[in-house]
N, C-alpha and C. Protein backbone atom coordinates (compact mmCIF):
# COMPACT_ATOMS: atom_id res chain seq x y z
N MET A 1 -1.01 -31.53 -24.98
CA MET A 1 -0.74 -30.44 -25.88
C MET A 1 -1.92 -29.29 -25.73
N ILE A 2 -3.06 -29.49 -25.37
CA ILE A 2 -3.95 -28.57 -25.15
C ILE A 2 -3.52 -27.80 -23.64
N GLU A 3 -3.11 -28.37 -22.88
CA GLU A 3 -2.71 -27.81 -21.46
C GLU A 3 -1.40 -26.86 -21.65
N GLN A 4 -0.64 -27.24 -22.66
CA GLN A 4 0.53 -26.47 -22.86
C GLN A 4 0.09 -25.14 -23.53
N THR A 5 -0.79 -25.34 -24.31
CA THR A 5 -1.38 -24.06 -25.16
C THR A 5 -2.03 -23.33 -24.22
N ILE A 6 -2.71 -23.60 -23.40
CA ILE A 6 -3.38 -22.51 -22.41
C ILE A 6 -2.59 -21.62 -21.94
N PRO A 7 -1.58 -22.24 -20.86
CA PRO A 7 -0.82 -21.41 -20.23
C PRO A 7 -0.02 -20.32 -21.38
N ALA A 8 0.49 -20.73 -22.40
CA ALA A 8 1.15 -19.97 -23.51
C ALA A 8 0.28 -18.69 -23.82
N ASN A 9 -1.09 -19.28 -24.11
CA ASN A 9 -2.03 -18.12 -24.42
C ASN A 9 -2.11 -17.16 -23.40
N ARG A 10 -2.34 -17.64 -22.00
CA ARG A 10 -2.48 -16.68 -20.96
C ARG A 10 -1.23 -15.79 -20.92
N ALA A 11 0.07 -16.20 -20.98
CA ALA A 11 1.23 -15.67 -20.83
C ALA A 11 1.15 -14.74 -22.00
N PHE A 12 0.88 -14.93 -23.11
CA PHE A 12 0.77 -13.74 -24.17
C PHE A 12 -0.11 -12.74 -23.96
N SER A 13 -1.42 -13.09 -23.35
CA SER A 13 -2.57 -12.17 -23.25
C SER A 13 -1.92 -11.10 -21.95
N VAL A 14 -1.29 -11.64 -21.11
CA VAL A 14 -0.65 -10.82 -20.00
C VAL A 14 0.41 -9.91 -20.65
N ARG A 15 1.12 -10.33 -21.50
CA ARG A 15 2.09 -9.48 -22.09
C ARG A 15 1.37 -8.27 -23.02
N ARG A 16 0.45 -8.76 -23.65
CA ARG A 16 -0.26 -7.67 -24.42
C ARG A 16 -1.06 -6.61 -23.52
N MET A 17 -1.50 -7.27 -22.40
CA MET A 17 -2.13 -6.21 -21.44
C MET A 17 -1.08 -5.27 -20.89
N VAL A 18 0.10 -5.70 -20.64
CA VAL A 18 1.17 -4.65 -20.15
C VAL A 18 1.42 -3.63 -21.28
N ILE A 19 1.66 -4.17 -22.64
CA ILE A 19 1.95 -3.13 -23.70
C ILE A 19 0.73 -2.14 -23.73
N ARG A 20 -0.60 -2.62 -23.67
CA ARG A 20 -1.80 -1.84 -23.91
C ARG A 20 -1.85 -0.87 -22.68
N ALA A 21 -1.67 -1.38 -21.51
CA ALA A 21 -1.50 -0.42 -20.38
C ALA A 21 -0.55 0.67 -20.56
N SER A 22 0.50 0.17 -20.98
CA SER A 22 1.77 1.19 -21.26
C SER A 22 1.47 2.23 -22.42
N SER A 23 0.76 1.72 -23.36
CA SER A 23 0.43 2.67 -24.41
C SER A 23 -0.67 3.54 -24.13
N ALA A 24 -1.45 3.04 -23.12
CA ALA A 24 -2.71 3.92 -22.70
C ALA A 24 -2.26 4.98 -21.85
N LEU A 25 -1.27 4.39 -20.88
CA LEU A 25 -0.77 5.69 -20.04
C LEU A 25 0.24 6.54 -20.68
N LEU A 26 0.84 6.28 -21.70
CA LEU A 26 1.58 7.15 -22.62
C LEU A 26 0.69 8.17 -23.29
N ALA A 27 -0.50 7.80 -23.76
CA ALA A 27 -1.32 8.61 -24.37
C ALA A 27 -1.87 9.83 -23.42
N VAL A 28 -2.32 9.20 -22.18
CA VAL A 28 -2.52 10.06 -21.08
C VAL A 28 -1.55 11.26 -20.74
N GLU A 29 -0.42 10.52 -20.63
CA GLU A 29 0.67 11.38 -20.30
C GLU A 29 1.12 12.39 -21.13
N ARG A 30 0.80 12.31 -22.58
CA ARG A 30 1.03 13.18 -23.58
C ARG A 30 -0.04 14.24 -23.49
N LEU A 31 -1.12 13.98 -23.12
CA LEU A 31 -2.21 15.07 -23.10
C LEU A 31 -2.01 15.82 -21.77
N ALA A 32 -1.64 15.02 -20.69
CA ALA A 32 -1.24 15.82 -19.38
C ALA A 32 0.04 16.80 -19.68
N LEU A 33 1.09 16.33 -20.34
CA LEU A 33 2.28 17.21 -20.53
C LEU A 33 1.69 18.43 -21.34
N MET A 34 1.00 18.24 -22.36
CA MET A 34 0.53 19.38 -23.31
C MET A 34 -0.25 20.34 -22.07
N GLY A 35 -1.15 19.98 -21.39
CA GLY A 35 -2.05 20.60 -20.43
C GLY A 35 -1.36 21.40 -19.59
N LEU A 36 -0.21 20.70 -18.94
CA LEU A 36 0.65 21.33 -17.94
C LEU A 36 1.39 22.40 -18.37
N MET A 37 1.97 22.24 -19.74
CA MET A 37 2.78 23.24 -20.24
C MET A 37 1.72 24.35 -20.65
N TYR A 38 0.68 24.23 -20.99
CA TYR A 38 -0.19 25.36 -21.21
C TYR A 38 -0.47 26.31 -20.12
N VAL A 39 -0.82 25.37 -19.10
CA VAL A 39 -1.17 25.91 -17.86
C VAL A 39 0.07 26.81 -17.27
N LEU A 40 1.29 26.21 -17.14
CA LEU A 40 2.50 26.85 -16.84
C LEU A 40 2.85 28.14 -17.40
N THR A 41 2.65 28.06 -18.89
CA THR A 41 2.94 29.38 -19.67
C THR A 41 1.99 30.52 -19.26
N GLY A 42 0.79 29.89 -19.10
CA GLY A 42 -0.41 30.88 -18.82
C GLY A 42 -0.03 31.59 -17.33
N LEU A 43 0.31 30.65 -16.47
CA LEU A 43 0.60 31.20 -15.15
C LEU A 43 1.76 32.22 -15.16
N ILE A 44 2.79 31.86 -15.87
CA ILE A 44 4.02 32.87 -15.98
C ILE A 44 3.63 34.04 -16.61
N LEU A 45 2.70 33.99 -17.72
CA LEU A 45 2.41 35.22 -18.38
C LEU A 45 1.46 36.12 -17.42
N VAL A 46 0.66 35.48 -16.86
CA VAL A 46 -0.26 36.33 -15.83
C VAL A 46 0.49 36.86 -14.82
N ASN A 47 1.53 36.13 -14.30
CA ASN A 47 2.55 36.65 -13.24
C ASN A 47 3.18 37.81 -13.69
N VAL A 48 3.73 37.74 -14.82
CA VAL A 48 4.65 38.92 -15.36
C VAL A 48 3.71 40.22 -15.65
N VAL A 49 2.29 40.07 -16.26
CA VAL A 49 1.49 41.23 -16.43
C VAL A 49 0.92 41.67 -15.12
N THR A 50 0.65 40.83 -14.26
CA THR A 50 0.07 41.33 -12.86
C THR A 50 1.19 42.18 -12.12
N ARG A 51 2.56 41.53 -12.21
CA ARG A 51 3.67 42.38 -11.52
C ARG A 51 4.01 43.56 -12.14
N TYR A 52 3.86 43.53 -13.45
CA TYR A 52 4.05 44.88 -14.15
C TYR A 52 3.08 46.02 -13.88
N ALA A 53 1.80 45.46 -13.64
CA ALA A 53 0.88 46.26 -13.17
C ALA A 53 0.76 46.72 -11.76
N ARG A 54 1.74 45.94 -11.09
CA ARG A 54 1.95 46.37 -9.56
C ARG A 54 0.47 45.68 -8.90
N PHE A 55 -0.29 44.71 -9.58
CA PHE A 55 -1.14 44.01 -8.67
C PHE A 55 -0.92 42.52 -8.76
N PRO A 56 0.16 42.01 -8.09
CA PRO A 56 0.52 40.51 -8.25
C PRO A 56 -0.29 39.83 -7.57
N ILE A 57 -0.60 38.65 -8.13
CA ILE A 57 -1.43 37.52 -7.48
C ILE A 57 -0.58 36.66 -6.79
N TYR A 58 -0.63 36.45 -5.38
CA TYR A 58 0.31 35.86 -4.49
C TYR A 58 0.41 34.52 -4.66
N TRP A 59 -0.69 33.68 -5.31
CA TRP A 59 -0.52 32.31 -5.33
C TRP A 59 -0.08 31.77 -6.67
N ILE A 60 0.08 32.73 -7.47
CA ILE A 60 0.53 32.14 -8.82
C ILE A 60 1.84 31.45 -8.80
N ASP A 61 3.13 31.95 -7.89
CA ASP A 61 4.23 31.51 -7.74
C ASP A 61 3.95 29.98 -7.33
N GLU A 62 3.41 29.73 -6.25
CA GLU A 62 3.31 28.28 -5.90
C GLU A 62 2.75 27.44 -6.78
N SER A 63 1.60 28.13 -7.34
CA SER A 63 1.02 27.17 -8.51
C SER A 63 1.81 26.70 -9.65
N ALA A 64 2.91 27.72 -10.07
CA ALA A 64 3.88 27.40 -10.95
C ALA A 64 4.93 26.30 -10.56
N VAL A 65 5.20 26.46 -9.34
CA VAL A 65 6.10 25.55 -8.90
C VAL A 65 5.62 24.00 -8.70
N TYR A 66 4.27 23.86 -8.21
CA TYR A 66 3.72 22.53 -8.33
C TYR A 66 3.42 22.17 -9.59
N CYS A 67 3.10 23.15 -10.63
CA CYS A 67 2.93 22.50 -12.04
C CYS A 67 4.27 22.21 -12.49
N VAL A 68 5.23 22.73 -12.32
CA VAL A 68 6.54 22.26 -12.63
C VAL A 68 6.75 20.84 -11.94
N VAL A 69 6.58 20.66 -11.04
CA VAL A 69 6.79 19.41 -10.17
C VAL A 69 6.15 18.17 -10.84
N TRP A 70 4.80 18.52 -11.02
CA TRP A 70 3.91 17.48 -11.99
C TRP A 70 4.45 17.24 -13.25
N LEU A 71 4.75 18.26 -13.79
CA LEU A 71 5.46 18.27 -15.13
C LEU A 71 6.76 17.48 -15.29
N THR A 72 7.44 17.61 -14.34
CA THR A 72 8.59 16.79 -14.19
C THR A 72 8.42 15.36 -14.15
N PHE A 73 7.60 14.90 -13.28
CA PHE A 73 7.39 13.49 -12.90
C PHE A 73 6.52 12.93 -13.89
N VAL A 74 5.60 13.62 -14.58
CA VAL A 74 5.01 13.00 -15.74
C VAL A 74 5.80 12.71 -16.94
N GLY A 75 6.69 13.83 -17.13
CA GLY A 75 7.82 13.89 -18.41
C GLY A 75 8.55 12.71 -18.07
N ALA A 76 9.11 12.33 -16.83
CA ALA A 76 10.07 11.48 -16.62
C ALA A 76 9.47 10.22 -16.95
N SER A 77 8.34 10.02 -16.48
CA SER A 77 7.53 8.59 -16.78
C SER A 77 7.27 8.32 -18.32
N ALA A 78 7.05 9.46 -19.01
CA ALA A 78 6.95 9.22 -20.27
C ALA A 78 8.28 9.00 -21.22
N MET A 79 9.39 9.60 -20.67
CA MET A 79 10.68 9.27 -21.15
C MET A 79 10.98 7.95 -20.87
N THR A 80 10.73 7.38 -19.84
CA THR A 80 10.95 5.83 -19.57
C THR A 80 10.42 5.10 -20.79
N ARG A 81 9.29 5.13 -20.94
CA ARG A 81 8.63 4.35 -22.43
C ARG A 81 9.28 4.86 -23.49
N LEU A 82 9.51 5.94 -23.63
CA LEU A 82 10.22 6.63 -25.02
C LEU A 82 11.82 6.16 -25.06
N ARG A 83 12.36 5.67 -23.85
CA ARG A 83 13.56 5.28 -23.95
C ARG A 83 14.59 6.61 -24.07
N LEU A 84 14.04 7.64 -23.60
CA LEU A 84 14.85 8.73 -23.58
C LEU A 84 15.54 9.32 -22.17
N ASP A 85 15.65 8.14 -21.53
CA ASP A 85 16.41 8.28 -20.33
C ASP A 85 17.98 8.36 -20.48
N PHE A 86 18.82 8.95 -19.78
CA PHE A 86 20.14 8.86 -20.09
C PHE A 86 20.72 7.54 -19.88
N ALA A 87 21.79 7.29 -20.47
CA ALA A 87 22.56 5.93 -20.31
C ALA A 87 23.95 6.02 -20.64
N VAL A 88 24.82 5.62 -19.76
CA VAL A 88 26.13 5.73 -19.87
C VAL A 88 26.68 4.62 -20.64
N THR A 89 27.36 4.84 -21.83
CA THR A 89 27.79 3.69 -22.86
C THR A 89 29.12 3.46 -22.82
N MET A 90 29.92 4.08 -22.05
CA MET A 90 31.43 3.94 -22.13
C MET A 90 31.87 2.38 -22.05
N LEU A 91 31.07 1.75 -21.22
CA LEU A 91 31.38 0.11 -21.07
C LEU A 91 30.51 -0.63 -22.07
N THR A 92 29.31 -0.43 -22.28
CA THR A 92 28.35 -1.35 -22.93
C THR A 92 28.69 -1.23 -24.56
N GLU A 93 29.29 -0.18 -25.06
CA GLU A 93 29.78 0.15 -26.34
C GLU A 93 30.71 -0.79 -26.82
N ARG A 94 31.67 -1.23 -26.02
CA ARG A 94 32.59 -2.16 -26.20
C ARG A 94 32.42 -3.70 -26.04
N LEU A 95 31.11 -3.90 -25.55
CA LEU A 95 30.72 -5.40 -25.53
C LEU A 95 30.09 -6.02 -26.82
N SER A 96 30.00 -7.25 -26.92
CA SER A 96 29.45 -7.88 -28.22
C SER A 96 27.99 -7.55 -28.22
N ALA A 97 27.43 -7.77 -29.21
CA ALA A 97 25.97 -7.45 -29.33
C ALA A 97 25.01 -8.24 -28.41
N ARG A 98 25.61 -9.61 -28.06
CA ARG A 98 24.86 -10.26 -27.24
C ARG A 98 24.97 -9.77 -25.83
N HIS A 99 26.16 -9.36 -25.49
CA HIS A 99 26.44 -8.87 -24.03
C HIS A 99 25.64 -7.47 -23.69
N GLN A 100 25.55 -6.70 -24.90
CA GLN A 100 24.89 -5.38 -25.02
C GLN A 100 23.38 -5.75 -24.61
N LYS A 101 22.96 -6.64 -25.21
CA LYS A 101 21.40 -6.92 -25.20
C LYS A 101 21.18 -7.30 -23.55
N ILE A 102 22.21 -8.10 -23.21
CA ILE A 102 22.24 -8.60 -21.78
C ILE A 102 22.29 -7.38 -20.55
N ALA A 103 22.96 -6.53 -21.16
CA ALA A 103 23.36 -5.43 -20.29
C ALA A 103 21.88 -4.40 -20.19
N LYS A 104 21.26 -4.31 -21.57
CA LYS A 104 19.95 -3.53 -21.62
C LYS A 104 19.00 -4.19 -20.79
N VAL A 105 19.02 -5.46 -20.94
CA VAL A 105 17.91 -6.17 -20.07
C VAL A 105 18.07 -6.07 -18.59
N ILE A 106 19.27 -5.99 -18.28
CA ILE A 106 19.69 -5.65 -16.75
C ILE A 106 19.12 -4.15 -16.27
N SER A 107 19.42 -3.34 -17.15
CA SER A 107 19.29 -1.94 -16.66
C SER A 107 17.91 -1.78 -16.92
N THR A 108 17.01 -2.19 -17.79
CA THR A 108 15.68 -2.17 -17.79
C THR A 108 15.11 -2.75 -16.53
N GLY A 109 15.35 -3.96 -16.23
CA GLY A 109 14.91 -4.82 -15.24
C GLY A 109 15.18 -3.69 -13.66
N LEU A 110 16.34 -3.09 -13.71
CA LEU A 110 16.54 -2.30 -12.59
C LEU A 110 15.62 -1.23 -12.27
N VAL A 111 15.09 -0.66 -13.72
CA VAL A 111 13.90 0.38 -13.61
C VAL A 111 12.62 -0.09 -13.00
N VAL A 112 12.47 -1.33 -13.26
CA VAL A 112 11.08 -2.07 -12.89
C VAL A 112 11.37 -2.16 -11.12
N VAL A 113 12.56 -2.58 -10.86
CA VAL A 113 12.67 -2.99 -9.33
C VAL A 113 12.53 -1.56 -8.73
N PHE A 114 13.28 -0.54 -9.19
CA PHE A 114 13.31 0.81 -8.56
C PHE A 114 11.84 1.31 -8.68
N GLY A 115 11.03 1.12 -9.73
CA GLY A 115 9.49 1.38 -9.65
C GLY A 115 8.75 0.71 -8.59
N ALA A 116 8.92 -0.47 -8.43
CA ALA A 116 8.20 -1.43 -7.54
C ALA A 116 8.63 -0.89 -6.01
N ALA A 117 9.88 -0.65 -5.88
CA ALA A 117 10.21 -0.23 -4.52
C ALA A 117 9.67 1.24 -4.35
N LEU A 118 9.52 1.99 -5.27
CA LEU A 118 8.92 3.34 -4.99
C LEU A 118 7.43 3.12 -4.69
N ILE A 119 6.78 2.25 -5.31
CA ILE A 119 5.42 2.01 -4.96
C ILE A 119 5.21 1.62 -3.60
N VAL A 120 6.23 0.76 -3.00
CA VAL A 120 6.02 0.12 -1.66
C VAL A 120 6.39 1.21 -0.59
N THR A 121 7.29 2.18 -1.13
CA THR A 121 7.67 3.39 -0.16
C THR A 121 6.62 4.37 -0.12
N CYS A 122 5.84 4.56 -1.15
CA CYS A 122 4.65 5.62 -1.18
C CYS A 122 3.61 4.90 -0.43
N MET A 123 3.48 3.67 -0.53
CA MET A 123 2.31 3.15 0.35
C MET A 123 2.61 3.19 1.77
N LEU A 124 3.88 3.09 2.19
CA LEU A 124 3.94 3.03 3.60
C LEU A 124 4.28 4.67 4.09
N TRP A 125 4.32 5.58 3.03
CA TRP A 125 4.34 6.81 3.43
C TRP A 125 3.02 7.56 3.56
N MET A 126 2.11 7.16 2.48
CA MET A 126 0.87 7.73 2.49
C MET A 126 -0.12 6.85 3.51
N ASP A 127 0.17 5.59 3.63
CA ASP A 127 -0.36 4.79 4.65
C ASP A 127 -2.13 4.56 4.43
N PRO A 128 -2.50 4.46 3.23
CA PRO A 128 -4.11 4.34 2.96
C PRO A 128 -4.56 3.28 3.89
N VAL A 129 -4.15 2.39 4.29
CA VAL A 129 -4.75 1.35 5.18
C VAL A 129 -4.78 2.00 6.74
N GLY A 130 -3.73 2.77 6.87
CA GLY A 130 -3.97 3.26 8.37
C GLY A 130 -4.86 4.37 8.48
N LEU A 131 -5.09 5.00 7.23
CA LEU A 131 -5.92 6.25 6.97
C LEU A 131 -7.61 5.72 6.86
N ALA A 132 -7.60 4.43 6.28
CA ALA A 132 -8.98 3.94 6.43
C ALA A 132 -9.36 3.40 7.72
N ARG A 133 -8.45 2.84 8.46
CA ARG A 133 -8.78 2.47 9.85
C ARG A 133 -9.04 3.54 10.70
N ALA A 134 -8.43 4.64 10.45
CA ALA A 134 -8.72 6.00 11.22
C ALA A 134 -10.00 6.66 10.82
N GLY A 135 -10.70 5.93 9.84
CA GLY A 135 -11.98 6.75 9.46
C GLY A 135 -11.88 7.53 8.34
N PHE A 136 -10.56 7.72 7.77
CA PHE A 136 -10.30 8.77 6.94
C PHE A 136 -10.27 9.97 7.81
N ASP A 137 -9.79 10.01 8.95
CA ASP A 137 -9.74 11.32 9.82
C ASP A 137 -8.04 11.42 9.80
N GLY A 138 -7.50 12.57 9.11
CA GLY A 138 -6.04 12.77 9.08
C GLY A 138 -5.59 13.16 10.61
N ARG A 139 -6.30 13.80 11.08
CA ARG A 139 -5.84 14.17 12.46
C ARG A 139 -5.60 13.05 13.50
N LYS A 140 -6.68 12.15 13.33
CA LYS A 140 -6.49 10.90 14.09
C LYS A 140 -5.27 10.06 13.69
N LEU A 141 -5.15 9.97 12.54
CA LEU A 141 -4.05 9.11 12.02
C LEU A 141 -2.72 9.94 12.36
N ALA A 142 -2.71 11.00 12.26
CA ALA A 142 -1.52 11.92 12.84
C ALA A 142 -1.25 11.72 14.39
N ALA A 143 -2.29 11.56 15.12
CA ALA A 143 -2.18 11.40 16.48
C ALA A 143 -1.65 9.99 16.80
N GLU A 144 -1.98 8.93 16.04
CA GLU A 144 -1.59 7.80 15.98
C GLU A 144 -0.10 7.22 15.71
N THR A 145 0.16 7.67 14.52
CA THR A 145 1.30 7.43 13.80
C THR A 145 2.33 8.45 13.59
N PHE A 146 1.94 9.71 13.92
CA PHE A 146 2.81 10.95 13.68
C PHE A 146 2.97 11.20 12.25
N ASN A 147 1.99 10.79 11.38
CA ASN A 147 2.16 10.93 10.04
C ASN A 147 1.22 12.15 9.91
N PHE A 148 1.80 13.46 9.53
CA PHE A 148 0.99 14.46 9.37
C PHE A 148 0.80 14.92 7.99
N LEU A 149 0.76 13.89 6.97
CA LEU A 149 0.70 14.27 5.67
C LEU A 149 -0.78 14.78 5.31
N TYR A 150 -1.81 14.15 5.95
CA TYR A 150 -3.07 14.60 5.55
C TYR A 150 -3.69 15.61 6.66
N THR A 151 -2.76 16.34 7.27
CA THR A 151 -3.28 17.53 8.07
C THR A 151 -2.53 18.94 7.39
N GLU A 152 -1.59 18.67 6.62
CA GLU A 152 -0.98 19.87 6.04
C GLU A 152 -1.56 20.42 4.83
N HIS A 153 -1.30 21.67 4.54
CA HIS A 153 -1.80 22.43 3.46
C HIS A 153 -0.71 23.35 3.09
N THR A 154 -0.95 23.65 1.62
CA THR A 154 0.00 24.48 1.08
C THR A 154 -0.09 25.92 1.62
N GLN A 155 1.08 26.75 1.43
CA GLN A 155 1.08 27.97 2.26
C GLN A 155 0.19 29.03 1.46
N THR A 156 0.09 29.12 0.15
CA THR A 156 -0.92 30.10 -0.38
C THR A 156 -2.10 29.53 -0.90
N LEU A 157 -1.86 28.55 -1.63
CA LEU A 157 -3.19 28.01 -2.05
C LEU A 157 -4.00 27.31 -1.09
N ASN A 158 -3.60 26.88 -0.10
CA ASN A 158 -4.22 26.31 1.17
C ASN A 158 -4.99 25.01 0.52
N TRP A 159 -4.12 24.27 -0.35
CA TRP A 159 -4.81 23.02 -0.80
C TRP A 159 -4.15 21.92 0.09
N PRO A 160 -4.73 20.87 0.26
CA PRO A 160 -4.12 19.70 1.07
C PRO A 160 -2.95 19.08 0.33
N THR A 161 -1.88 18.88 1.06
CA THR A 161 -0.74 18.75 0.34
C THR A 161 -0.76 17.14 -0.24
N TRP A 162 -1.50 16.30 0.42
CA TRP A 162 -1.48 15.11 -0.10
C TRP A 162 -1.97 14.95 -1.47
N VAL A 163 -2.87 15.86 -1.78
CA VAL A 163 -3.29 15.95 -3.17
C VAL A 163 -2.16 16.07 -4.38
N LEU A 164 -1.28 17.08 -3.82
CA LEU A 164 -0.30 17.32 -4.59
C LEU A 164 0.66 16.23 -4.79
N TYR A 165 1.03 15.60 -3.60
CA TYR A 165 1.93 14.60 -3.64
C TYR A 165 1.51 13.45 -4.20
N LEU A 166 0.31 13.40 -4.89
CA LEU A 166 -0.18 12.05 -5.42
C LEU A 166 0.82 11.91 -6.80
N THR A 167 1.54 12.83 -7.04
CA THR A 167 2.45 12.60 -8.49
C THR A 167 3.29 11.48 -8.24
N LEU A 168 3.72 11.31 -6.88
CA LEU A 168 4.74 10.40 -6.80
C LEU A 168 4.29 8.91 -6.75
N PRO A 169 3.08 8.45 -6.25
CA PRO A 169 2.57 7.05 -6.50
C PRO A 169 2.10 6.83 -8.00
N ILE A 170 1.58 8.10 -8.49
CA ILE A 170 1.26 7.85 -9.85
C ILE A 170 2.56 7.38 -10.79
N PHE A 171 3.51 8.34 -10.50
CA PHE A 171 4.82 8.15 -11.23
C PHE A 171 5.46 6.95 -11.05
N ALA A 172 5.24 6.38 -9.84
CA ALA A 172 5.88 4.97 -9.34
C ALA A 172 5.07 3.95 -10.29
N VAL A 173 3.95 4.20 -10.44
CA VAL A 173 3.20 2.96 -11.02
C VAL A 173 3.30 3.16 -12.50
N SER A 174 3.15 4.26 -13.07
CA SER A 174 3.58 4.34 -14.55
C SER A 174 4.80 4.04 -14.90
N MET A 175 5.69 4.29 -14.14
CA MET A 175 7.15 4.03 -14.59
C MET A 175 7.48 2.76 -14.50
N THR A 176 6.79 2.02 -13.52
CA THR A 176 6.90 0.37 -13.42
C THR A 176 6.12 -0.21 -14.63
N VAL A 177 5.08 0.38 -14.92
CA VAL A 177 4.47 -0.30 -16.23
C VAL A 177 5.10 -0.04 -17.53
N HIS A 178 5.67 1.06 -17.49
CA HIS A 178 6.39 1.31 -18.84
C HIS A 178 7.73 0.53 -18.67
N GLY A 179 8.39 0.32 -17.47
CA GLY A 179 9.59 -0.53 -17.53
C GLY A 179 9.24 -1.76 -17.83
N LEU A 180 7.97 -2.30 -17.40
CA LEU A 180 7.77 -3.90 -17.69
C LEU A 180 7.60 -3.96 -19.24
N ALA A 181 6.97 -2.87 -19.94
CA ALA A 181 6.73 -2.87 -21.35
C ALA A 181 8.04 -2.98 -22.05
N ASN A 182 9.03 -2.01 -21.62
CA ASN A 182 10.43 -2.09 -22.22
C ASN A 182 11.11 -3.23 -21.99
N LEU A 183 11.09 -3.88 -20.78
CA LEU A 183 11.47 -5.29 -20.60
C LEU A 183 10.93 -6.27 -21.49
N LEU A 184 9.70 -6.38 -21.53
CA LEU A 184 9.28 -7.41 -22.41
C LEU A 184 9.79 -7.17 -23.81
N GLU A 185 10.02 -6.06 -24.35
CA GLU A 185 10.42 -5.62 -25.70
C GLU A 185 12.19 -6.00 -25.81
N ASP A 186 12.81 -5.78 -24.77
CA ASP A 186 14.22 -6.09 -24.74
C ASP A 186 14.39 -7.55 -24.61
N LEU A 187 13.55 -8.50 -24.03
CA LEU A 187 13.49 -9.84 -24.01
C LEU A 187 13.01 -10.41 -25.11
N GLY A 188 12.51 -9.60 -26.05
CA GLY A 188 12.09 -10.27 -27.54
C GLY A 188 10.64 -10.94 -27.38
N LEU A 189 10.00 -10.82 -26.10
CA LEU A 189 8.66 -11.43 -25.96
C LEU A 189 7.52 -10.92 -26.83
N VAL A 190 7.82 -9.70 -26.99
CA VAL A 190 6.70 -8.83 -27.70
C VAL A 190 7.43 -8.00 -28.89
N PRO A 191 6.91 -7.78 -29.96
CA PRO A 191 7.61 -6.96 -30.92
C PRO A 191 7.55 -5.56 -30.49
N ARG A 192 8.69 -4.93 -30.78
CA ARG A 192 8.82 -3.40 -30.50
C ARG A 192 8.01 -2.48 -31.60
N VAL A 193 7.10 -1.52 -30.93
CA VAL A 193 6.47 -0.86 -31.86
C VAL A 193 6.76 0.49 -31.49
N PRO A 194 6.76 1.50 -32.62
CA PRO A 194 6.96 2.89 -32.25
C PRO A 194 5.57 3.57 -31.49
N PRO A 195 6.16 4.43 -30.58
CA PRO A 195 5.10 5.05 -29.61
C PRO A 195 3.99 5.96 -30.63
N LYS A 196 2.88 6.24 -30.34
CA LYS A 196 2.16 6.90 -31.13
C LYS A 196 1.91 8.27 -30.62
N GLY A 197 1.88 9.34 -31.32
CA GLY A 197 1.90 10.79 -30.88
C GLY A 197 3.07 11.52 -30.60
N PHE A 198 4.35 10.77 -30.75
CA PHE A 198 5.76 11.28 -30.51
C PHE A 198 6.52 11.15 -31.83
N GLN A 199 6.79 12.15 -32.07
CA GLN A 199 7.92 12.17 -33.36
C GLN A 199 9.27 12.06 -33.14
N LEU A 200 9.70 10.88 -32.98
CA LEU A 200 11.20 10.65 -32.45
C LEU A 200 12.19 10.42 -33.55
N SER A 201 13.28 10.66 -33.65
CA SER A 201 14.17 10.43 -34.67
C SER A 201 15.13 9.24 -34.23
N GLU A 202 16.15 8.77 -34.93
CA GLU A 202 17.02 7.83 -34.47
C GLU A 202 18.01 8.20 -33.35
N LEU A 203 18.33 9.70 -33.39
CA LEU A 203 19.00 10.19 -32.48
C LEU A 203 18.72 10.64 -31.23
N ASP A 204 17.28 10.56 -31.16
CA ASP A 204 16.53 11.06 -29.76
C ASP A 204 16.87 9.99 -28.64
N GLY A 205 16.93 8.83 -28.83
CA GLY A 205 16.84 7.76 -28.05
C GLY A 205 18.35 7.50 -27.56
N VAL A 206 18.42 7.25 -26.30
CA VAL A 206 19.83 7.13 -25.87
C VAL A 206 20.03 5.79 -25.06
N ASN A 207 18.81 5.15 -24.72
CA ASN A 207 18.81 3.95 -24.16
C ASN A 207 18.12 2.73 -25.08
């Protein structure tokens, strides 16, 4: 009896860890979204003023583009946890309540699979193991593997592109964690709790 209780407690603790990790990520994403929106608004206003004054700042356009990219991926990750991603319900709305639940579990599971596949893809693309073997020398890695990710820089900011591309692995990990949290809720393994810091109505969610 005690041996059965210990694995059950461990499984429950793992579930709680996933939910807590998802909640912590969502809180960070909320702050990141607000910060990025403020930065983007400021960049656009400065760009308008400087162009009107005929003293344009050449690097603002590129900064705004990368800010939008980060804003998009961070927002997409948060929308996954908030269940604001789009869903086609032409088929599922004609199913019974039991089959609708099964369809929701399958769709949520596919989100987790996609996130895990994206993590693997990012690992192969960014090749942190190969970079470590090359002594963290981007040029040496490029000469050995033709992976020029760590030798490229942006056009106007002259920032390393790999720093800006970190949004992809971050998005992959956060979306996977959010997908696991949603999957646990859909399976009924943990109670579904409303997210903190987001004011959502019943009409906001579509999944």
